[in-house]
Every structure is written in structure tokens, then in C-alpha cells.
Amino acid sequence: MGCCGQGRAIAAQGKAGPNQQVGTAGRLTKVRFTQKAAILIRGPVTGRHYQFNEGTYSQLVDTRDAVVLVKTGYFQPD
């Protein structure tokens, strides 16, 4: 099982700068966490929290967060 620190490290790898526009507000994109671990991650753009664990490795996230999360290599479009 992963820990919160792992989630922060993942998010930091693909964090968008404060002036970057990523995606469109209000839209959702389904992504899948590619690791077999449980994590709680804060969306790098919106600050929303997403929890991925056994049974919920795929879920809808804000498109702006999805764009950045996919760039980390730990997530992929589903």
C-alpha cells in the first residue's frame, strides 16, 4: 500500500505552473491509476482529492487534473 508521500511525489512530477491553463473547467475525464497500490492524491490543478485503491483504480477526475496526472506515467486515460 502506498502512502500520502508517494501521492505528493507523483503529483509534483507533473505539476502545472500557476499561470498554465490545462484542459477545460468543469469537464471530467476517466483515468486509471496503473500501480497496484492505494493512494490519496490531490489534483495538481484543482486541489481536489482523489483516492485510488483496489476496486477503484479507474475514476472520473477533472480534465485539468487528468492532463497533468497522465504526464506522470502513473495514470492513463481509461
PDB file of N, CA and C in Angstrom:
ATOM      1  N   MET A   1       0.843  -1.174   0.000  1.00  0.00           N
ATOM      2  CA  MET A   1       0.000   0.000   0.000  1.00  0.00           C
ATOM      3  C   MET A   1       0.888   1.237   0.000  1.00  0.00           C
ATOM      4  N   GLY A   2       0.563   2.203  -0.824  1.00  0.00           N
ATOM      5  CA  GLY A   2       1.317   3.439  -0.888  1.00  0.00           C
ATOM      6  C   GLY A   2       0.928   4.363   0.246  1.00  0.00           C
ATOM      7  N   CYS A   3       1.629   5.442   0.360  1.00  0.00           N
ATOM      8  CA  CYS A   3       1.318   6.401   1.407  1.00  0.00           C
ATOM      9  C   CYS A   3       1.080   7.776   0.786  1.00  0.00           C
ATOM     10  N   CYS A   4       0.689   8.701   1.622  1.00  0.00           N
ATOM     11  CA  CYS A   4       0.411  10.057   1.133  1.00  0.00           C
ATOM     12  C   CYS A   4       1.634  10.677   0.470  1.00  0.00           C
ATOM     13  N   GLY A   5       2.823  10.410   1.009  1.00  0.00           N
ATOM     14  CA  GLY A   5       4.038  10.971   0.437  1.00  0.00           C
ATOM     15  C   GLY A   5       4.247  10.531  -0.989  1.00  0.00           C
ATOM     16  N   GLN A   6       3.894   9.280  -1.285  1.00  0.00           N
ATOM     17  CA  GLN A   6       4.019   8.776  -2.657  1.00  0.00           C
ATOM     18  C   GLN A   6       3.112   9.579  -3.580  1.00  0.00           C
ATOM     19  N   GLY A   7       1.902   9.859  -3.140  1.00  0.00           N
ATOM     20  CA  GLY A   7       0.977  10.637  -3.947  1.00  0.00           C
ATOM     21  C   GLY A   7       1.483  12.046  -4.207  1.00  0.00           C
ATOM     22  N   ARG A   8       2.081  12.657  -3.179  1.00  0.00           N
ATOM     23  CA  ARG A   8       2.644  14.003  -3.361  1.00  0.00           C
ATOM     24  C   ARG A   8       3.792  13.975  -4.353  1.00  0.00           C
ATOM     25  N   ALA A   9       4.610  12.923  -4.277  1.00  0.00           N
ATOM     26  CA  ALA A   9       5.738  12.812  -5.201  1.00  0.00           C
ATOM     27  C   ALA A   9       5.249  12.661  -6.631  1.00  0.00           C
ATOM     28  N   ILE A  10       4.198  11.871  -6.827  1.00  0.00           N
ATOM     29  CA  ILE A  10       3.643  11.669  -8.162  1.00  0.00           C
ATOM     30  C   ILE A  10       3.108  12.992  -8.702  1.00  0.00           C
ATOM     31  N   ALA A  11       2.357  13.713  -7.886  1.00  0.00           N
ATOM     32  CA  ALA A  11       1.770  14.972  -8.332  1.00  0.00           C
ATOM     33  C   ALA A  11       2.847  16.008  -8.640  1.00  0.00           C
ATOM     34  N   ALA A  12       3.904  16.023  -7.841  1.00  0.00           N
ATOM     35  CA  ALA A  12       4.961  17.010  -8.037  1.00  0.00           C
ATOM     36  C   ALA A  12       5.681  16.821  -9.364  1.00  0.00           C
ATOM     37  N   GLN A  13       5.735  15.606  -9.854  1.00  0.00           N
ATOM     38  CA  GLN A  13       6.426  15.337 -11.113  1.00  0.00           C
ATOM     39  C   GLN A  13       5.759  16.021 -12.291  1.00  0.00           C
ATOM     40  N   GLY A  14       4.450  16.194 -12.245  1.00  0.00           N
ATOM     41  CA  GLY A  14       3.761  16.774 -13.390  1.00  0.00           C
ATOM     42  C   GLY A  14       2.999  18.031 -13.056  1.00  0.00           C
ATOM     43  N   LYS A  15       3.372  18.701 -11.987  1.00  0.00           N
ATOM     44  CA  LYS A  15       2.623  19.864 -11.524  1.00  0.00           C
ATOM     45  C   LYS A  15       2.681  21.011 -12.528  1.00  0.00           C
ATOM     46  N   ALA A  16       1.523  21.553 -12.807  1.00  0.00           N
ATOM     47  CA  ALA A  16       1.426  22.692 -13.721  1.00  0.00           C
ATOM     48  C   ALA A  16       1.770  23.966 -12.970  1.00  0.00           C
ATOM     49  N   GLY A  17       2.339  24.912 -13.677  1.00  0.00           N
ATOM     50  CA  GLY A  17       2.658  26.200 -13.077  1.00  0.00           C
ATOM     51  C   GLY A  17       1.389  26.992 -12.839  1.00  0.00           C
ATOM     52  N   PRO A  18       1.434  28.006 -11.995  1.00  0.00           N
ATOM     53  CA  PRO A  18       0.229  28.746 -11.639  1.00  0.00           C
ATOM     54  C   PRO A  18      -0.421  29.488 -12.806  1.00  0.00           C
ATOM     55  N   ASN A  19       0.341  29.785 -13.847  1.00  0.00           N
ATOM     56  CA  ASN A  19      -0.223  30.509 -14.978  1.00  0.00           C
ATOM     57  C   ASN A  19      -0.574  29.618 -16.164  1.00  0.00           C
ATOM     58  N   GLN A  20      -0.391  28.307 -16.013  1.00  0.00           N
ATOM     59  CA  GLN A  20      -0.703  27.403 -17.121  1.00  0.00           C
ATOM     60  C   GLN A  20      -2.189  27.078 -17.139  1.00  0.00           C
ATOM     61  N   GLN A  21      -2.765  27.093 -18.303  1.00  0.00           N
ATOM     62  CA  GLN A  21      -4.137  26.658 -18.496  1.00  0.00           C
ATOM     63  C   GLN A  21      -4.094  25.232 -19.022  1.00  0.00           C
ATOM     64  N   VAL A  22      -4.721  24.329 -18.322  1.00  0.00           N
ATOM     65  CA  VAL A  22      -4.714  22.925 -18.722  1.00  0.00           C
ATOM     66  C   VAL A  22      -6.160  22.451 -18.798  1.00  0.00           C
ATOM     67  N   GLY A  23      -6.591  22.018 -19.952  1.00  0.00           N
ATOM     68  CA  GLY A  23      -7.943  21.482 -20.089  1.00  0.00           C
ATOM     69  C   GLY A  23      -9.007  22.552 -19.952  1.00  0.00           C
ATOM     70  N   THR A  24     -10.245  22.100 -19.726  1.00  0.00           N
ATOM     71  CA  THR A  24     -11.387  22.991 -19.623  1.00  0.00           C
ATOM     72  C   THR A  24     -12.080  22.776 -18.288  1.00  0.00           C
ATOM     73  N   ALA A  25     -12.373  23.841 -17.578  1.00  0.00           N
ATOM     74  CA  ALA A  25     -13.025  23.745 -16.272  1.00  0.00           C
ATOM     75  C   ALA A  25     -14.365  23.033 -16.380  1.00  0.00           C
ATOM     76  N   GLY A  26     -14.668  22.189 -15.411  1.00  0.00           N
ATOM     77  CA  GLY A  26     -15.963  21.537 -15.354  1.00  0.00           C
ATOM     78  C   GLY A  26     -16.079  20.237 -16.114  1.00  0.00           C
ATOM     79  N   ARG A  27     -15.132  19.902 -16.950  1.00  0.00           N
ATOM     80  CA  ARG A  27     -15.184  18.648 -17.695  1.00  0.00           C
ATOM     81  C   ARG A  27     -14.507  17.545 -16.907  1.00  0.00           C
ATOM     82  N   LEU A  28     -14.981  16.322 -17.111  1.00  0.00           N
ATOM     83  CA  LEU A  28     -14.419  15.168 -16.422  1.00  0.00           C
ATOM     84  C   LEU A  28     -13.816  14.195 -17.417  1.00  0.00           C
ATOM     85  N   THR A  29     -12.738  13.549 -17.016  1.00  0.00           N
ATOM     86  CA  THR A  29     -12.063  12.551 -17.836  1.00  0.00           C
ATOM     87  C   THR A  29     -11.793  11.345 -16.955  1.00  0.00           C
ATOM     88  N   LYS A  30     -12.044  10.165 -17.487  1.00  0.00           N
ATOM     89  CA  LYS A  30     -11.784   8.952 -16.721  1.00  0.00           C
ATOM     90  C   LYS A  30     -10.326   8.552 -16.882  1.00  0.00           C
ATOM     91  N   VAL A  31      -9.645   8.362 -15.745  1.00  0.00           N
ATOM     92  CA  VAL A  31      -8.254   7.928 -15.750  1.00  0.00           C
ATOM     93  C   VAL A  31      -8.121   6.680 -14.882  1.00  0.00           C
ATOM     94  N   ARG A  32      -7.059   5.927 -15.152  1.00  0.00           N
ATOM     95  CA  ARG A  32      -6.770   4.712 -14.388  1.00  0.00           C
ATOM     96  C   ARG A  32      -5.389   4.829 -13.795  1.00  0.00           C
ATOM     97  N   PHE A  33      -5.291   4.546 -12.482  1.00  0.00           N
ATOM     98  CA  PHE A  33      -4.011   4.504 -11.788  1.00  0.00           C
ATOM     99  C   PHE A  33      -3.366   3.173 -12.147  1.00  0.00           C
ATOM    100  N   THR A  34      -2.136   3.184 -12.651  1.00  0.00           N
ATOM    101  CA  THR A  34      -1.520   1.984 -13.207  1.00  0.00           C
ATOM    102  C   THR A  34      -0.787   1.127 -12.180  1.00  0.00           C
ATOM    103  N   GLN A  35      -0.662   1.608 -10.946  1.00  0.00           N
ATOM    104  CA  GLN A  35       0.025   0.839  -9.912  1.00  0.00           C
ATOM    105  C   GLN A  35      -0.996   0.074  -9.077  1.00  0.00           C
ATOM    106  N   LYS A  36      -0.587  -1.037  -8.493  1.00  0.00           N
ATOM    107  CA  LYS A  36      -1.468  -1.813  -7.622  1.00  0.00           C
ATOM    108  C   LYS A  36      -1.204  -1.403  -6.181  1.00  0.00           C
ATOM    109  N   ALA A  37      -1.575  -0.186  -5.856  1.00  0.00           N
ATOM    110  CA  ALA A  37      -1.393   0.377  -4.528  1.00  0.00           C
ATOM    111  C   ALA A  37      -2.537   1.356  -4.274  1.00  0.00           C
ATOM    112  N   ALA A  38      -2.795   1.622  -3.028  1.00  0.00           N
ATOM    113  CA  ALA A  38      -3.813   2.604  -2.665  1.00  0.00           C
ATOM    114  C   ALA A  38      -3.140   3.946  -2.421  1.00  0.00           C
ATOM    115  N   ILE A  39      -3.677   4.999  -3.029  1.00  0.00           N
ATOM    116  CA  ILE A  39      -3.140   6.343  -2.794  1.00  0.00           C
ATOM    117  C   ILE A  39      -4.280   7.349  -2.706  1.00  0.00           C
ATOM    118  N   LEU A  40      -4.000   8.413  -2.026  1.00  0.00           N
ATOM    119  CA  LEU A  40      -4.860   9.588  -1.991  1.00  0.00           C
ATOM    120  C   LEU A  40      -4.010  10.697  -2.584  1.00  0.00           C
ATOM    121  N   ILE A  41      -4.510  11.306  -3.646  1.00  0.00           N
ATOM    122  CA  ILE A  41      -3.716  12.316  -4.343  1.00  0.00           C
ATOM    123  C   ILE A  41      -4.536  13.589  -4.501  1.00  0.00           C
ATOM    124  N   ARG A  42      -3.867  14.709  -4.375  1.00  0.00           N
ATOM    125  CA  ARG A  42      -4.530  15.999  -4.585  1.00  0.00           C
ATOM    126  C   ARG A  42      -4.317  16.402  -6.031  1.00  0.00           C
ATOM    127  N   GLY A  43      -5.390  16.773  -6.709  1.00  0.00           N
ATOM    128  CA  GLY A  43      -5.293  17.211  -8.102  1.00  0.00           C
ATOM    129  C   GLY A  43      -4.348  18.390  -8.211  1.00  0.00           C
ATOM    130  N   PRO A  44      -3.344  18.298  -9.079  1.00  0.00           N
ATOM    131  CA  PRO A  44      -2.337  19.346  -9.179  1.00  0.00           C
ATOM    132  C   PRO A  44      -2.852  20.697  -9.677  1.00  0.00           C
ATOM    133  N   VAL A  45      -3.992  20.713 -10.340  1.00  0.00           N
ATOM    134  CA  VAL A  45      -4.547  21.971 -10.847  1.00  0.00           C
ATOM    135  C   VAL A  45      -5.696  22.448  -9.962  1.00  0.00           C
ATOM    136  N   THR A  46      -6.645  21.554  -9.645  1.00  0.00           N
ATOM    137  CA  THR A  46      -7.843  21.951  -8.900  1.00  0.00           C
ATOM    138  C   THR A  46      -7.695  21.857  -7.394  1.00  0.00           C
ATOM    139  N   GLY A  47      -6.768  21.034  -6.919  1.00  0.00           N
ATOM    140  CA  GLY A  47      -6.633  20.820  -5.484  1.00  0.00           C
ATOM    141  C   GLY A  47      -7.623  19.808  -4.935  1.00  0.00           C
ATOM    142  N   ARG A  48      -8.461  19.236  -5.789  1.00  0.00           N
ATOM    143  CA  ARG A  48      -9.416  18.204  -5.352  1.00  0.00           C
ATOM    144  C   ARG A  48      -8.660  16.938  -4.971  1.00  0.00           C
ATOM    145  N   HIS A  49      -9.230  16.182  -4.040  1.00  0.00           N
ATOM    146  CA  HIS A  49      -8.617  14.928  -3.616  1.00  0.00           C
ATOM    147  C   HIS A  49      -9.264  13.752  -4.349  1.00  0.00           C
ATOM    148  N   TYR A  50      -8.408  12.846  -4.817  1.00  0.00           N
ATOM    149  CA  TYR A  50      -8.858  11.642  -5.499  1.00  0.00           C
ATOM    150  C   TYR A  50      -8.223  10.445  -4.802  1.00  0.00           C
ATOM    151  N   GLN A  51      -9.030   9.423  -4.522  1.00  0.00           N
ATOM    152  CA  GLN A  51      -8.499   8.230  -3.877  1.00  0.00           C
ATOM    153  C   GLN A  51      -8.588   7.065  -4.848  1.00  0.00           C
ATOM    154  N   PHE A  52      -7.462   6.394  -5.040  1.00  0.00           N
ATOM    155  CA  PHE A  52      -7.395   5.221  -5.901  1.00  0.00           C
ATOM    156  C   PHE A  52      -6.978   4.047  -5.030  1.00  0.00           C
ATOM    157  N   ASN A  53      -7.745   2.960  -5.101  1.00  0.00           N
ATOM    158  CA  ASN A  53      -7.406   1.751  -4.367  1.00  0.00           C
ATOM    159  C   ASN A  53      -8.071   0.551  -5.033  1.00  0.00           C
ATOM    160  N   GLU A  54      -7.890  -0.616  -4.456  1.00  0.00           N
ATOM    161  CA  GLU A  54      -8.449  -1.830  -5.060  1.00  0.00           C
ATOM    162  C   GLU A  54      -9.941  -1.645  -5.303  1.00  0.00           C
ATOM    163  N   GLY A  55     -10.350  -1.882  -6.523  1.00  0.00           N
ATOM    164  CA  GLY A  55     -11.748  -1.721  -6.896  1.00  0.00           C
ATOM    165  C   GLY A  55     -12.059  -0.348  -7.488  1.00  0.00           C
ATOM    166  N   THR A  56     -11.213   0.634  -7.249  1.00  0.00           N
ATOM    167  CA  THR A  56     -11.430   1.975  -7.806  1.00  0.00           C
ATOM    168  C   THR A  56     -10.142   2.520  -8.413  1.00  0.00           C
ATOM    169  N   TYR A  57      -9.481   1.707  -9.217  1.00  0.00           N
ATOM    170  CA  TYR A  57      -8.279   2.186  -9.894  1.00  0.00           C
ATOM    171  C   TYR A  57      -8.634   3.114 -11.049  1.00  0.00           C
ATOM    172  N   SER A  58      -9.897   3.089 -11.514  1.00  0.00           N
ATOM    173  CA  SER A  58     -10.371   3.990 -12.575  1.00  0.00           C
ATOM    174  C   SER A  58     -11.456   4.881 -12.004  1.00  0.00           C
ATOM    175  N   GLN A  59     -11.393   6.155 -12.346  1.00  0.00           N
ATOM    176  CA  GLN A  59     -12.454   7.062 -11.915  1.00  0.00           C
ATOM    177  C   GLN A  59     -12.410   8.351 -12.726  1.00  0.00           C
ATOM    178  N   LEU A  60     -13.485   9.104 -12.631  1.00  0.00           N
ATOM    179  CA  LEU A  60     -13.568  10.399 -13.306  1.00  0.00           C
ATOM    180  C   LEU A  60     -12.862  11.449 -12.469  1.00  0.00           C
ATOM    181  N   VAL A  61     -12.031  12.235 -13.127  1.00  0.00           N
ATOM    182  CA  VAL A  61     -11.355  13.352 -12.472  1.00  0.00           C
ATOM    183  C   VAL A  61     -11.511  14.578 -13.356  1.00  0.00           C
ATOM    184  N   ASP A  62     -11.335  15.728 -12.778  1.00  0.00           N
ATOM    185  CA  ASP A  62     -11.398  16.968 -13.553  1.00  0.00           C
ATOM    186  C   ASP A  62     -10.386  16.866 -14.694  1.00  0.00           C
ATOM    187  N   THR A  63     -10.789  17.242 -15.886  1.00  0.00           N
ATOM    188  CA  THR A  63      -9.928  17.127 -17.066  1.00  0.00           C
ATOM    189  C   THR A  63      -8.610  17.864 -16.889  1.00  0.00           C
ATOM    190  N   ARG A  64      -8.635  18.994 -16.208  1.00  0.00           N
ATOM    191  CA  ARG A  64      -7.395  19.753 -15.991  1.00  0.00           C
ATOM    192  C   ARG A  64      -6.405  18.953 -15.154  1.00  0.00           C
ATOM    193  N   ASP A  65      -6.901  18.243 -14.157  1.00  0.00           N
ATOM    194  CA  ASP A  65      -6.034  17.377 -13.352  1.00  0.00           C
ATOM    195  C   ASP A  65      -5.589  16.168 -14.158  1.00  0.00           C
ATOM    196  N   ALA A  66      -6.503  15.591 -14.942  1.00  0.00           N
ATOM    197  CA  ALA A  66      -6.193  14.392 -15.719  1.00  0.00           C
ATOM    198  C   ALA A  66      -5.029  14.621 -16.672  1.00  0.00           C
ATOM    199  N   VAL A  67      -4.998  15.760 -17.322  1.00  0.00           N
ATOM    200  CA  VAL A  67      -3.919  16.063 -18.271  1.00  0.00           C
ATOM    201  C   VAL A  67      -2.567  15.977 -17.571  1.00  0.00           C
ATOM    202  N   VAL A  68      -2.468  16.547 -16.395  1.00  0.00           N
ATOM    203  CA  VAL A  68      -1.202  16.566 -15.663  1.00  0.00           C
ATOM    204  C   VAL A  68      -0.893  15.184 -15.084  1.00  0.00           C
ATOM    205  N   LEU A  69      -1.895  14.502 -14.529  1.00  0.00           N
ATOM    206  CA  LEU A  69      -1.665  13.178 -13.940  1.00  0.00           C
ATOM    207  C   LEU A  69      -1.160  12.175 -14.973  1.00  0.00           C
ATOM    208  N   VAL A  70      -1.727  12.204 -16.165  1.00  0.00           N
ATOM    209  CA  VAL A  70      -1.310  11.269 -17.223  1.00  0.00           C
ATOM    210  C   VAL A  70       0.171  11.497 -17.580  1.00  0.00           C
ATOM    211  N   LYS A  71       0.622  12.732 -17.541  1.00  0.00           N
ATOM    212  CA  LYS A  71       2.006  13.043 -17.870  1.00  0.00           C
ATOM    213  C   LYS A  71       3.002  12.415 -16.892  1.00  0.00           C
ATOM    214  N   THR A  72       2.560  12.046 -15.678  1.00  0.00           N
ATOM    215  CA  THR A  72       3.460  11.441 -14.698  1.00  0.00           C
ATOM    216  C   THR A  72       3.842  10.013 -15.058  1.00  0.00           C
ATOM    217  N   GLY A  73       3.012   9.355 -15.897  1.00  0.00           N
ATOM    218  CA  GLY A  73       3.262   7.960 -16.234  1.00  0.00           C
ATOM    219  C   GLY A  73       2.591   6.981 -15.284  1.00  0.00           C
ATOM    220  N   TYR A  74       2.056   7.464 -14.172  1.00  0.00           N
ATOM    221  CA  TYR A  74       1.361   6.616 -13.205  1.00  0.00           C
ATOM    222  C   TYR A  74      -0.128   6.494 -13.497  1.00  0.00           C
ATOM    223  N   PHE A  75      -0.628   7.296 -14.421  1.00  0.00           N
ATOM    224  CA  PHE A  75      -2.034   7.294 -14.793  1.00  0.00           C
ATOM    225  C   PHE A  75      -2.132   7.212 -16.311  1.00  0.00           C
ATOM    226  N   GLN A  76      -3.253   6.670 -16.776  1.00  0.00           N
ATOM    227  CA  GLN A  76      -3.504   6.670 -18.217  1.00  0.00           C
ATOM    228  C   GLN A  76      -4.988   6.868 -18.463  1.00  0.00           C
ATOM    229  N   PRO A  77      -5.333   7.428 -19.630  1.00  0.00           N
ATOM    230  CA  PRO A  77      -6.746   7.599 -19.954  1.00  0.00           C
ATOM    231  C   PRO A  77      -7.440   6.248 -19.954  1.00  0.00           C
ATOM    232  N   ASP A  78      -8.673   6.199 -19.495  1.00  0.00           N
ATOM    233  CA  ASP A  78      -9.400   4.938 -19.423  1.00  0.00           C
ATOM    234  C   ASP A  78     -10.666   5.017 -20.243  1.00  0.00           C
TER     235      ASP A  78
END
